[in-house]
Amino acid sequence: GYREVLNSRTGQVFRMGIAMFQDVEKHAKNSLNILIAVQYLERPLLILHGQSDETVPAFEAEQLNIFGNPAMTDFRLIPQASHTFNSTHPFSGPSEALNLSLSATSSFFHSHLQ
């Protein structure tokens, strides 16, 4: 079986199989716990988040930053940016927030990938 889940931002209805729910329930406290994963991450981490994200509260990105290694985590809260960094579908071009995010991502990659 499956359960239909409404995407609050787009209005799309997604079908999620019961096996996925069972897997999440089984592993939620260990291998699927992102805060634990970030705490033990031994690689550089870039966290980009829209300050006005209507889907995922900025507080959740801030939590990731708190749990991450301060020496290896770059946290950027993009001002007035939505979940899609103010870009729309169909794509009509990058917004200022998306350009800021792309620039931060490019700089992060140049600093940490060789």
PDB file of N, CA and C in Angstrom:
ATOM      1  N   GLY A   1       0.797  -1.173   0.000  1.00  0.00           N
ATOM      2  CA  GLY A   1       0.000   0.000   0.000  1.00  0.00           C
ATOM      3  C   GLY A   1       0.856   1.260   0.000  1.00  0.00           C
ATOM      4  N   TYR A   2       0.200   2.363  -0.013  1.00  0.00           N
ATOM      5  CA  TYR A   2       0.865   3.661  -0.018  1.00  0.00           C
ATOM      6  C   TYR A   2      -0.003   4.680   0.689  1.00  0.00           C
ATOM      7  N   ARG A   3       0.606   5.803   0.974  1.00  0.00           N
ATOM      8  CA  ARG A   3      -0.118   6.934   1.543  1.00  0.00           C
ATOM      9  C   ARG A   3       0.140   8.133   0.652  1.00  0.00           C
ATOM     10  N   GLU A   4      -0.882   8.914   0.397  1.00  0.00           N
ATOM     11  CA  GLU A   4      -0.715  10.128  -0.392  1.00  0.00           C
ATOM     12  C   GLU A   4      -0.349  11.273   0.543  1.00  0.00           C
ATOM     13  N   VAL A   5       0.697  12.007   0.154  1.00  0.00           N
ATOM     14  CA  VAL A   5       1.187  13.116   0.966  1.00  0.00           C
ATOM     15  C   VAL A   5       1.174  14.369   0.094  1.00  0.00           C
ATOM     16  N   LEU A   6       0.570  15.430   0.605  1.00  0.00           N
ATOM     17  CA  LEU A   6       0.466  16.690  -0.126  1.00  0.00           C
ATOM     18  C   LEU A   6       1.698  17.547   0.112  1.00  0.00           C
ATOM     19  N   ASN A   7       2.322  18.019  -0.967  1.00  0.00           N
ATOM     20  CA  ASN A   7       3.419  18.973  -0.874  1.00  0.00           C
ATOM     21  C   ASN A   7       2.793  20.348  -0.650  1.00  0.00           C
ATOM     22  N   SER A   8       3.014  20.920   0.517  1.00  0.00           N
ATOM     23  CA  SER A   8       2.364  22.185   0.867  1.00  0.00           C
ATOM     24  C   SER A   8       2.815  23.358   0.002  1.00  0.00           C
ATOM     25  N   ARG A   9       4.011  23.276  -0.562  1.00  0.00           N
ATOM     26  CA  ARG A   9       4.517  24.378  -1.370  1.00  0.00           C
ATOM     27  C   ARG A   9       3.994  24.331  -2.794  1.00  0.00           C
ATOM     28  N   THR A  10       3.962  23.126  -3.400  1.00  0.00           N
ATOM     29  CA  THR A  10       3.601  23.013  -4.814  1.00  0.00           C
ATOM     30  C   THR A  10       2.186  22.507  -5.048  1.00  0.00           C
ATOM     31  N   GLY A  11       1.592  21.902  -4.016  1.00  0.00           N
ATOM     32  CA  GLY A  11       0.268  21.324  -4.177  1.00  0.00           C
ATOM     33  C   GLY A  11       0.272  19.936  -4.800  1.00  0.00           C
ATOM     34  N   GLN A  12       1.454  19.422  -5.145  1.00  0.00           N
ATOM     35  CA  GLN A  12       1.546  18.089  -5.726  1.00  0.00           C
ATOM     36  C   GLN A  12       1.238  17.028  -4.676  1.00  0.00           C
ATOM     37  N   VAL A  13       0.675  15.926  -5.137  1.00  0.00           N
ATOM     38  CA  VAL A  13       0.399  14.792  -4.256  1.00  0.00           C
ATOM     39  C   VAL A  13       1.393  13.687  -4.596  1.00  0.00           C
ATOM     40  N   PHE A  14       2.124  13.243  -3.579  1.00  0.00           N
ATOM     41  CA  PHE A  14       3.114  12.184  -3.760  1.00  0.00           C
ATOM     42  C   PHE A  14       2.613  10.905  -3.109  1.00  0.00           C
ATOM     43  N   ARG A  15       2.871   9.782  -3.744  1.00  0.00           N
ATOM     44  CA  ARG A  15       2.545   8.494  -3.158  1.00  0.00           C
ATOM     45  C   ARG A  15       3.798   7.965  -2.466  1.00  0.00           C
ATOM     46  N   MET A  16       3.666   7.675  -1.188  1.00  0.00           N
ATOM     47  CA  MET A  16       4.790   7.143  -0.418  1.00  0.00           C
ATOM     48  C   MET A  16       4.420   5.747   0.048  1.00  0.00           C
ATOM     49  N   GLY A  17       5.240   4.779  -0.357  1.00  0.00           N
ATOM     50  CA  GLY A  17       4.984   3.388  -0.026  1.00  0.00           C
ATOM     51  C   GLY A  17       5.148   3.098   1.457  1.00  0.00           C
ATOM     52  N   ILE A  18       4.403   2.116   1.924  1.00  0.00           N
ATOM     53  CA  ILE A  18       4.445   1.741   3.330  1.00  0.00           C
ATOM     54  C   ILE A  18       5.848   1.281   3.730  1.00  0.00           C
ATOM     55  N   ALA A  19       6.579   0.662   2.810  1.00  0.00           N
ATOM     56  CA  ALA A  19       7.937   0.201   3.112  1.00  0.00           C
ATOM     57  C   ALA A  19       8.843   1.371   3.484  1.00  0.00           C
ATOM     58  N   MET A  20       8.647   2.535   2.838  1.00  0.00           N
ATOM     59  CA  MET A  20       9.453   3.704   3.176  1.00  0.00           C
ATOM     60  C   MET A  20       9.157   4.162   4.594  1.00  0.00           C
ATOM     61  N   PHE A  21       7.889   4.214   4.962  1.00  0.00           N
ATOM     62  CA  PHE A  21       7.523   4.615   6.315  1.00  0.00           C
ATOM     63  C   PHE A  21       8.105   3.659   7.354  1.00  0.00           C
ATOM     64  N   GLN A  22       8.058   2.360   7.040  1.00  0.00           N
ATOM     65  CA  GLN A  22       8.609   1.362   7.960  1.00  0.00           C
ATOM     66  C   GLN A  22      10.115   1.539   8.104  1.00  0.00           C
ATOM     67  N   ASP A  23      10.804   1.835   7.012  1.00  0.00           N
ATOM     68  CA  ASP A  23      12.253   2.037   7.047  1.00  0.00           C
ATOM     69  C   ASP A  23      12.608   3.267   7.872  1.00  0.00           C
ATOM     70  N   VAL A  24      11.867   4.347   7.682  1.00  0.00           N
ATOM     71  CA  VAL A  24      12.109   5.564   8.454  1.00  0.00           C
ATOM     72  C   VAL A  24      11.877   5.299   9.935  1.00  0.00           C
ATOM     73  N   GLU A  25      10.791   4.634  10.247  1.00  0.00           N
ATOM     74  CA  GLU A  25      10.491   4.322  11.641  1.00  0.00           C
ATOM     75  C   GLU A  25      11.588   3.462  12.272  1.00  0.00           C
ATOM     76  N   LYS A  26      12.084   2.508  11.529  1.00  0.00           N
ATOM     77  CA  LYS A  26      13.109   1.584  12.028  1.00  0.00           C
ATOM     78  C   LYS A  26      14.454   2.279  12.266  1.00  0.00           C
ATOM     79  N   HIS A  27      14.809   3.250  11.407  1.00  0.00           N
ATOM     80  CA  HIS A  27      16.146   3.846  11.445  1.00  0.00           C
ATOM     81  C   HIS A  27      16.173   5.311  11.875  1.00  0.00           C
ATOM     82  N   ALA A  28      15.047   5.862  12.309  1.00  0.00           N
ATOM     83  CA  ALA A  28      14.957   7.291  12.616  1.00  0.00           C
ATOM     84  C   ALA A  28      15.911   7.750  13.710  1.00  0.00           C
ATOM     85  N   LYS A  29      16.213   6.894  14.659  1.00  0.00           N
ATOM     86  CA  LYS A  29      17.054   7.303  15.787  1.00  0.00           C
ATOM     87  C   LYS A  29      18.535   7.075  15.553  1.00  0.00           C
ATOM     88  N   ASN A  30      18.907   6.454  14.427  1.00  0.00           N
ATOM     89  CA  ASN A  30      20.327   6.201  14.192  1.00  0.00           C
ATOM     90  C   ASN A  30      20.749   6.633  12.792  1.00  0.00           C
ATOM     91  N   SER A  31      20.731   5.747  11.828  1.00  0.00           N
ATOM     92  CA  SER A  31      21.317   6.055  10.524  1.00  0.00           C
ATOM     93  C   SER A  31      20.568   7.124   9.732  1.00  0.00           C
ATOM     94  N   LEU A  32      19.328   7.407  10.050  1.00  0.00           N
ATOM     95  CA  LEU A  32      18.595   8.460   9.349  1.00  0.00           C
ATOM     96  C   LEU A  32      18.480   9.748  10.163  1.00  0.00           C
ATOM     97  N   ASN A  33      19.188   9.826  11.271  1.00  0.00           N
ATOM     98  CA  ASN A  33      19.151  11.026  12.102  1.00  0.00           C
ATOM     99  C   ASN A  33      20.222  11.995  11.591  1.00  0.00           C
ATOM    100  N   ILE A  34      19.791  13.044  10.925  1.00  0.00           N
ATOM    101  CA  ILE A  34      20.735  13.963  10.280  1.00  0.00           C
ATOM    102  C   ILE A  34      21.589  14.726  11.292  1.00  0.00           C
ATOM    103  N   LEU A  35      21.051  15.012  12.467  1.00  0.00           N
ATOM    104  CA  LEU A  35      21.849  15.732  13.465  1.00  0.00           C
ATOM    105  C   LEU A  35      23.012  14.869  13.956  1.00  0.00           C
ATOM    106  N   ILE A  36      22.783  13.590  14.132  1.00  0.00           N
ATOM    107  CA  ILE A  36      23.869  12.681  14.517  1.00  0.00           C
ATOM    108  C   ILE A  36      24.873  12.568  13.376  1.00  0.00           C
ATOM    109  N   ALA A  37      24.368  12.444  12.154  1.00  0.00           N
ATOM    110  CA  ALA A  37      25.266  12.319  10.998  1.00  0.00           C
ATOM    111  C   ALA A  37      26.169  13.541  10.862  1.00  0.00           C
ATOM    112  N   VAL A  38      25.604  14.732  11.027  1.00  0.00           N
ATOM    113  CA  VAL A  38      26.384  15.973  10.915  1.00  0.00           C
ATOM    114  C   VAL A  38      27.424  16.056  12.035  1.00  0.00           C
ATOM    115  N   GLN A  39      27.041  15.609  13.200  1.00  0.00           N
ATOM    116  CA  GLN A  39      27.943  15.657  14.355  1.00  0.00           C
ATOM    117  C   GLN A  39      29.220  14.842  14.109  1.00  0.00           C
ATOM    118  N   TYR A  40      29.099  13.756  13.367  1.00  0.00           N
ATOM    119  CA  TYR A  40      30.248  12.882  13.125  1.00  0.00           C
ATOM    120  C   TYR A  40      30.859  13.052  11.736  1.00  0.00           C
ATOM    121  N   LEU A  41      30.377  14.004  10.984  1.00  0.00           N
ATOM    122  CA  LEU A  41      30.895  14.253   9.645  1.00  0.00           C
ATOM    123  C   LEU A  41      32.338  14.746   9.728  1.00  0.00           C
ATOM    124  N   GLU A  42      33.197  14.130   8.954  1.00  0.00           N
ATOM    125  CA  GLU A  42      34.613  14.510   8.955  1.00  0.00           C
ATOM    126  C   GLU A  42      35.019  15.149   7.633  1.00  0.00           C
ATOM    127  N   ARG A  43      34.092  15.845   7.037  1.00  0.00           N
ATOM    128  CA  ARG A  43      34.319  16.523   5.772  1.00  0.00           C
ATOM    129  C   ARG A  43      33.749  17.937   5.865  1.00  0.00           C
ATOM    130  N   PRO A  44      34.232  18.846   5.038  1.00  0.00           N
ATOM    131  CA  PRO A  44      33.657  20.193   5.009  1.00  0.00           C
ATOM    132  C   PRO A  44      32.167  20.135   4.654  1.00  0.00           C
ATOM    133  N   LEU A  45      31.406  21.010   5.283  1.00  0.00           N
ATOM    134  CA  LEU A  45      29.958  21.038   5.093  1.00  0.00           C
ATOM    135  C   LEU A  45      29.505  22.458   4.783  1.00  0.00           C
ATOM    136  N   LEU A  46      28.760  22.602   3.704  1.00  0.00           N
ATOM    137  CA  LEU A  46      28.147  23.879   3.346  1.00  0.00           C
ATOM    138  C   LEU A  46      26.653  23.769   3.605  1.00  0.00           C
ATOM    139  N   ILE A  47      26.131  24.683   4.408  1.00  0.00           N
ATOM    140  CA  ILE A  47      24.690  24.736   4.677  1.00  0.00           C
ATOM    141  C   ILE A  47      24.187  26.064   4.131  1.00  0.00           C
ATOM    142  N   LEU A  48      23.366  25.995   3.097  1.00  0.00           N
ATOM    143  CA  LEU A  48      22.726  27.180   2.516  1.00  0.00           C
ATOM    144  C   LEU A  48      21.238  27.071   2.786  1.00  0.00           C
ATOM    145  N   HIS A  49      20.641  28.145   3.270  1.00  0.00           N
ATOM    146  CA  HIS A  49      19.214  28.080   3.574  1.00  0.00           C
ATOM    147  C   HIS A  49      18.574  29.440   3.377  1.00  0.00           C
ATOM    148  N   GLY A  50      17.377  29.436   2.835  1.00  0.00           N
ATOM    149  CA  GLY A  50      16.629  30.677   2.662  1.00  0.00           C
ATOM    150  C   GLY A  50      16.025  31.143   3.972  1.00  0.00           C
ATOM    151  N   GLN A  51      16.260  32.393   4.306  1.00  0.00           N
ATOM    152  CA  GLN A  51      15.742  32.969   5.548  1.00  0.00           C
ATOM    153  C   GLN A  51      14.212  32.922   5.600  1.00  0.00           C
ATOM    154  N   SER A  52      13.568  33.012   4.454  1.00  0.00           N
ATOM    155  CA  SER A  52      12.101  33.012   4.388  1.00  0.00           C
ATOM    156  C   SER A  52      11.564  31.714   3.788  1.00  0.00           C
ATOM    157  N   ASP A  53      12.294  30.630   3.969  1.00  0.00           N
ATOM    158  CA  ASP A  53      11.871  29.325   3.447  1.00  0.00           C
ATOM    159  C   ASP A  53      10.516  28.959   4.039  1.00  0.00           C
ATOM    160  N   GLU A  54       9.541  28.748   3.170  1.00  0.00           N
ATOM    161  CA  GLU A  54       8.185  28.435   3.607  1.00  0.00           C
ATOM    162  C   GLU A  54       7.963  26.937   3.812  1.00  0.00           C
ATOM    163  N   THR A  55       8.944  26.127   3.449  1.00  0.00           N
ATOM    164  CA  THR A  55       8.812  24.673   3.550  1.00  0.00           C
ATOM    165  C   THR A  55       9.610  24.106   4.718  1.00  0.00           C
ATOM    166  N   VAL A  56      10.857  24.525   4.842  1.00  0.00           N
ATOM    167  CA  VAL A  56      11.734  24.060   5.923  1.00  0.00           C
ATOM    168  C   VAL A  56      12.160  25.289   6.731  1.00  0.00           C
ATOM    169  N   PRO A  57      11.775  25.369   7.990  1.00  0.00           N
ATOM    170  CA  PRO A  57      12.121  26.542   8.799  1.00  0.00           C
ATOM    171  C   PRO A  57      13.641  26.740   8.900  1.00  0.00           C
ATOM    172  N   ALA A  58      14.066  27.991   8.889  1.00  0.00           N
ATOM    173  CA  ALA A  58      15.496  28.308   9.004  1.00  0.00           C
ATOM    174  C   ALA A  58      16.095  27.717  10.274  1.00  0.00           C
ATOM    175  N   PHE A  59      15.284  27.561  11.301  1.00  0.00           N
ATOM    176  CA  PHE A  59      15.743  26.965  12.555  1.00  0.00           C
ATOM    177  C   PHE A  59      16.374  25.591  12.333  1.00  0.00           C
ATOM    178  N   GLU A  60      15.854  24.831  11.380  1.00  0.00           N
ATOM    179  CA  GLU A  60      16.406  23.497  11.126  1.00  0.00           C
ATOM    180  C   GLU A  60      17.815  23.582  10.542  1.00  0.00           C
ATOM    181  N   ALA A  61      18.059  24.546   9.687  1.00  0.00           N
ATOM    182  CA  ALA A  61      19.409  24.745   9.156  1.00  0.00           C
ATOM    183  C   ALA A  61      20.345  25.226  10.264  1.00  0.00           C
ATOM    184  N   GLU A  62      19.828  26.080  11.129  1.00  0.00           N
ATOM    185  CA  GLU A  62      20.636  26.567  12.255  1.00  0.00           C
ATOM    186  C   GLU A  62      21.016  25.415  13.187  1.00  0.00           C
ATOM    187  N   GLN A  63      20.099  24.459  13.377  1.00  0.00           N
ATOM    188  CA  GLN A  63      20.412  23.287  14.191  1.00  0.00           C
ATOM    189  C   GLN A  63      21.543  22.482  13.569  1.00  0.00           C
ATOM    190  N   LEU A  64      21.494  22.288  12.263  1.00  0.00           N
ATOM    191  CA  LEU A  64      22.578  21.564  11.584  1.00  0.00           C
ATOM    192  C   LEU A  64      23.904  22.263  11.841  1.00  0.00           C
ATOM    193  N   ASN A  65      23.893  23.568  11.745  1.00  0.00           N
ATOM    194  CA  ASN A  65      25.107  24.342  11.982  1.00  0.00           C
ATOM    195  C   ASN A  65      25.626  24.151  13.403  1.00  0.00           C
ATOM    196  N   ILE A  66      24.730  24.129  14.384  1.00  0.00           N
ATOM    197  CA  ILE A  66      25.128  23.931  15.783  1.00  0.00           C
ATOM    198  C   ILE A  66      25.772  22.559  15.978  1.00  0.00           C
ATOM    199  N   PHE A  67      25.226  21.541  15.332  1.00  0.00           N
ATOM    200  CA  PHE A  67      25.739  20.179  15.491  1.00  0.00           C
ATOM    201  C   PHE A  67      26.984  19.917  14.649  1.00  0.00           C
ATOM    202  N   GLY A  68      27.216  20.726  13.629  1.00  0.00           N
ATOM    203  CA  GLY A  68      28.377  20.530  12.754  1.00  0.00           C
ATOM    204  C   GLY A  68      29.675  20.969  13.411  1.00  0.00           C
ATOM    205  N   ASN A  69      30.763  20.496  12.852  1.00  0.00           N
ATOM    206  CA  ASN A  69      32.098  20.881  13.314  1.00  0.00           C
ATOM    207  C   ASN A  69      32.344  22.340  12.913  1.00  0.00           C
ATOM    208  N   PRO A  70      32.495  23.253  13.888  1.00  0.00           N
ATOM    209  CA  PRO A  70      32.641  24.676  13.551  1.00  0.00           C
ATOM    210  C   PRO A  70      33.814  24.974  12.616  1.00  0.00           C
ATOM    211  N   ALA A  71      34.874  24.187  12.712  1.00  0.00           N
ATOM    212  CA  ALA A  71      36.045  24.414  11.866  1.00  0.00           C
ATOM    213  C   ALA A  71      35.816  23.973  10.424  1.00  0.00           C
ATOM    214  N   MET A  72      34.788  23.151  10.201  1.00  0.00           N
ATOM    215  CA  MET A  72      34.571  22.595   8.863  1.00  0.00           C
ATOM    216  C   MET A  72      33.207  22.932   8.272  1.00  0.00           C
ATOM    217  N   THR A  73      32.415  23.752   8.977  1.00  0.00           N
ATOM    218  CA  THR A  73      31.066  24.059   8.520  1.00  0.00           C
ATOM    219  C   THR A  73      30.952  25.518   8.110  1.00  0.00           C
ATOM    220  N   ASP A  74      30.419  25.739   6.919  1.00  0.00           N
ATOM    221  CA  ASP A  74      30.145  27.077   6.400  1.00  0.00           C
ATOM    222  C   ASP A  74      28.627  27.222   6.315  1.00  0.00           C
ATOM    223  N   PHE A  75      28.060  28.082   7.170  1.00  0.00           N
ATOM    224  CA  PHE A  75      26.616  28.267   7.233  1.00  0.00           C
ATOM    225  C   PHE A  75      26.248  29.617   6.652  1.00  0.00           C
ATOM    226  N   ARG A  76      25.330  29.588   5.696  1.00  0.00           N
ATOM    227  CA  ARG A  76      24.869  30.835   5.075  1.00  0.00           C
ATOM    228  C   ARG A  76      23.351  30.873   5.070  1.00  0.00           C
ATOM    229  N   LEU A  77      22.798  31.868   5.710  1.00  0.00           N
ATOM    230  CA  LEU A  77      21.358  32.107   5.680  1.00  0.00           C
ATOM    231  C   LEU A  77      21.135  33.209   4.651  1.00  0.00           C
ATOM    232  N   ILE A  78      20.475  32.876   3.560  1.00  0.00           N
ATOM    233  CA  ILE A  78      20.294  33.822   2.462  1.00  0.00           C
ATOM    234  C   ILE A  78      19.090  34.726   2.782  1.00  0.00           C
ATOM    235  N   PRO A  79      19.316  36.047   2.911  1.00  0.00           N
ATOM    236  CA  PRO A  79      18.250  36.976   3.310  1.00  0.00           C
ATOM    237  C   PRO A  79      17.050  36.958   2.364  1.00  0.00           C
ATOM    238  N   GLN A  80      15.867  36.986   2.940  1.00  0.00           N
ATOM    239  CA  GLN A  80      14.594  37.030   2.208  1.00  0.00           C
ATOM    240  C   GLN A  80      14.448  35.942   1.135  1.00  0.00           C
ATOM    241  N   ALA A  81      15.175  34.846   1.247  1.00  0.00           N
ATOM    242  CA  ALA A  81      15.107  33.795   0.226  1.00  0.00           C
ATOM    243  C   ALA A  81      14.101  32.722   0.620  1.00  0.00           C
ATOM    244  N   SER A  82      13.363  32.250  -0.375  1.00  0.00           N
ATOM    245  CA  SER A  82      12.382  31.189  -0.178  1.00  0.00           C
ATOM    246  C   SER A  82      13.065  29.818  -0.278  1.00  0.00           C
ATOM    247  N   HIS A  83      12.249  28.774  -0.260  1.00  0.00           N
ATOM    248  CA  HIS A  83      12.749  27.406  -0.367  1.00  0.00           C
ATOM    249  C   HIS A  83      13.503  27.191  -1.681  1.00  0.00           C
ATOM    250  N   THR A  84      13.084  27.876  -2.726  1.00  0.00           N
ATOM    251  CA  THR A  84      13.720  27.737  -4.043  1.00  0.00           C
ATOM    252  C   THR A  84      14.642  28.921  -4.336  1.00  0.00           C
ATOM    253  N   PHE A  85      15.060  29.610  -3.298  1.00  0.00           N
ATOM    254  CA  PHE A  85      15.905  30.801  -3.435  1.00  0.00           C
ATOM    255  C   PHE A  85      15.284  31.805  -4.408  1.00  0.00           C
ATOM    256  N   ASN A  86      13.964  31.956  -4.277  1.00  0.00           N
ATOM    257  CA  ASN A  86      13.156  32.920  -5.034  1.00  0.00           C
ATOM    258  C   ASN A  86      13.115  32.658  -6.537  1.00  0.00           C
ATOM    259  N   SER A  87      13.459  31.467  -6.956  1.00  0.00           N
ATOM    260  CA  SER A  87      13.314  31.091  -8.361  1.00  0.00           C
ATOM    261  C   SER A  87      11.955  30.430  -8.546  1.00  0.00           C
ATOM    262  N   THR A  88      11.456  30.472  -9.759  1.00  0.00           N
ATOM    263  CA  THR A  88      10.128  29.946 -10.040  1.00  0.00           C
ATOM    264  C   THR A  88      10.184  28.829 -11.074  1.00  0.00           C
ATOM    265  N   HIS A  89       9.088  28.081 -11.138  1.00  0.00           N
ATOM    266  CA  HIS A  89       8.932  27.031 -12.150  1.00  0.00           C
ATOM    267  C   HIS A  89       7.736  27.411 -12.997  1.00  0.00           C
ATOM    268  N   PRO A  90       7.859  27.451 -14.305  1.00  0.00           N
ATOM    269  CA  PRO A  90       9.076  27.160 -15.067  1.00  0.00           C
ATOM    270  C   PRO A  90      10.151  28.226 -14.838  1.00  0.00           C
ATOM    271  N   PHE A  91      11.382  27.781 -14.930  1.00  0.00           N
ATOM    272  CA  PHE A  91      12.525  28.639 -14.644  1.00  0.00           C
ATOM    273  C   PHE A  91      12.579  29.794 -15.637  1.00  0.00           C
ATOM    274  N   SER A  92      12.608  31.014 -15.097  1.00  0.00           N
ATOM    275  CA  SER A  92      12.660  32.200 -15.961  1.00  0.00           C
ATOM    276  C   SER A  92      13.964  32.971 -15.786  1.00  0.00           C
ATOM    277  N   GLY A  93      14.906  32.354 -15.077  1.00  0.00           N
ATOM    278  CA  GLY A  93      16.189  32.989 -14.846  1.00  0.00           C
ATOM    279  C   GLY A  93      16.492  33.025 -13.364  1.00  0.00           C
ATOM    280  N   PRO A  94      17.762  33.166 -13.034  1.00  0.00           N
ATOM    281  CA  PRO A  94      18.150  33.140 -11.619  1.00  0.00           C
ATOM    282  C   PRO A  94      17.757  34.413 -10.882  1.00  0.00           C
ATOM    283  N   SER A  95      17.348  34.231  -9.653  1.00  0.00           N
ATOM    284  CA  SER A  95      17.061  35.368  -8.781  1.00  0.00           C
ATOM    285  C   SER A  95      18.359  35.807  -8.113  1.00  0.00           C
ATOM    286  N   GLU A  96      18.321  36.939  -7.446  1.00  0.00           N
ATOM    287  CA  GLU A  96      19.491  37.403  -6.703  1.00  0.00           C
ATOM    288  C   GLU A  96      19.883  36.383  -5.626  1.00  0.00           C
ATOM    289  N   ALA A  97      18.868  35.826  -4.949  1.00  0.00           N
ATOM    290  CA  ALA A  97      19.135  34.838  -3.898  1.00  0.00           C
ATOM    291  C   ALA A  97      19.759  33.574  -4.474  1.00  0.00           C
ATOM    292  N   LEU A  98      19.282  33.140  -5.635  1.00  0.00           N
ATOM    293  CA  LEU A  98      19.873  31.958  -6.268  1.00  0.00           C
ATOM    294  C   LEU A  98      21.307  32.246  -6.692  1.00  0.00           C
ATOM    295  N   ASN A  99      21.557  33.429  -7.242  1.00  0.00           N
ATOM    296  CA  ASN A  99      22.929  33.786  -7.619  1.00  0.00           C
ATOM    297  C   ASN A  99      23.861  33.804  -6.406  1.00  0.00           C
ATOM    298  N   LEU A 100      23.371  34.313  -5.267  1.00  0.00           N
ATOM    299  CA  LEU A 100      24.173  34.296  -4.035  1.00  0.00           C
ATOM    300  C   LEU A 100      24.492  32.857  -3.624  1.00  0.00           C
ATOM    301  N   SER A 101      23.493  31.998  -3.713  1.00  0.00           N
ATOM    302  CA  SER A 101      23.670  30.596  -3.350  1.00  0.00           C
ATOM    303  C   SER A 101      24.646  29.887  -4.286  1.00  0.00           C
ATOM    304  N   LEU A 102      24.528  30.146  -5.577  1.00  0.00           N
ATOM    305  CA  LEU A 102      25.438  29.534  -6.544  1.00  0.00           C
ATOM    306  C   LEU A 102      26.866  30.020  -6.339  1.00  0.00           C
ATOM    307  N   SER A 103      27.021  31.303  -6.047  1.00  0.00           N
ATOM    308  CA  SER A 103      28.348  31.859  -5.786  1.00  0.00           C
ATOM    309  C   SER A 103      28.968  31.236  -4.535  1.00  0.00           C
ATOM    310  N   ALA A 104      28.174  31.095  -3.478  1.00  0.00           N
ATOM    311  CA  ALA A 104      28.666  30.471  -2.241  1.00  0.00           C
ATOM    312  C   ALA A 104      29.049  29.018  -2.483  1.00  0.00           C
ATOM    313  N   THR A 105      28.237  28.308  -3.277  1.00  0.00           N
ATOM    314  CA  THR A 105      28.529  26.908  -3.590  1.00  0.00           C
ATOM    315  C   THR A 105      29.812  26.788  -4.403  1.00  0.00           C
ATOM    316  N   SER A 106      29.968  27.639  -5.401  1.00  0.00           N
ATOM    317  CA  SER A 106      31.172  27.623  -6.230  1.00  0.00           C
ATOM    318  C   SER A 106      32.420  27.911  -5.395  1.00  0.00           C
ATOM    319  N   SER A 107      32.346  28.915  -4.535  1.00  0.00           N
ATOM    320  CA  SER A 107      33.484  29.244  -3.667  1.00  0.00           C
ATOM    321  C   SER A 107      33.821  28.087  -2.731  1.00  0.00           C
ATOM    322  N   PHE A 108      32.779  27.462  -2.190  1.00  0.00           N
ATOM    323  CA  PHE A 108      32.988  26.318  -1.285  1.00  0.00           C
ATOM    324  C   PHE A 108      33.675  25.183  -2.022  1.00  0.00           C
ATOM    325  N   PHE A 109      33.203  24.866  -3.222  1.00  0.00           N
ATOM    326  CA  PHE A 109      33.814  23.794  -4.012  1.00  0.00           C
ATOM    327  C   PHE A 109      35.272  24.122  -4.350  1.00  0.00           C
ATOM    328  N   HIS A 110      35.536  25.358  -4.762  1.00  0.00           N
ATOM    329  CA  HIS A 110      36.910  25.743  -5.092  1.00  0.00           C
ATOM    330  C   HIS A 110      37.841  25.648  -3.883  1.00  0.00           C
ATOM    331  N   SER A 111      37.304  25.907  -2.707  1.00  0.00           N
ATOM    332  CA  SER A 111      38.104  25.851  -1.474  1.00  0.00           C
ATOM    333  C   SER A 111      38.363  24.432  -1.000  1.00  0.00           C
ATOM    334  N   HIS A 112      37.420  23.524  -1.261  1.00  0.00           N
ATOM    335  CA  HIS A 112      37.503  22.209  -0.634  1.00  0.00           C
ATOM    336  C   HIS A 112      37.692  21.027  -1.570  1.00  0.00           C
ATOM    337  N   LEU A 113      37.528  21.220  -2.874  1.00  0.00           N
ATOM    338  CA  LEU A 113      37.723  20.115  -3.812  1.00  0.00           C
ATOM    339  C   LEU A 113      39.015  20.328  -4.592  1.00  0.00           C
ATOM    340  N   GLN A 114      39.733  19.259  -4.749  1.00  0.00           N
ATOM    341  CA  GLN A 114      40.995  19.389  -5.504  1.00  0.00           C
ATOM    342  C   GLN A 114      41.122  18.293  -6.521  1.00  0.00           C
TER     343      GLN A 114
END
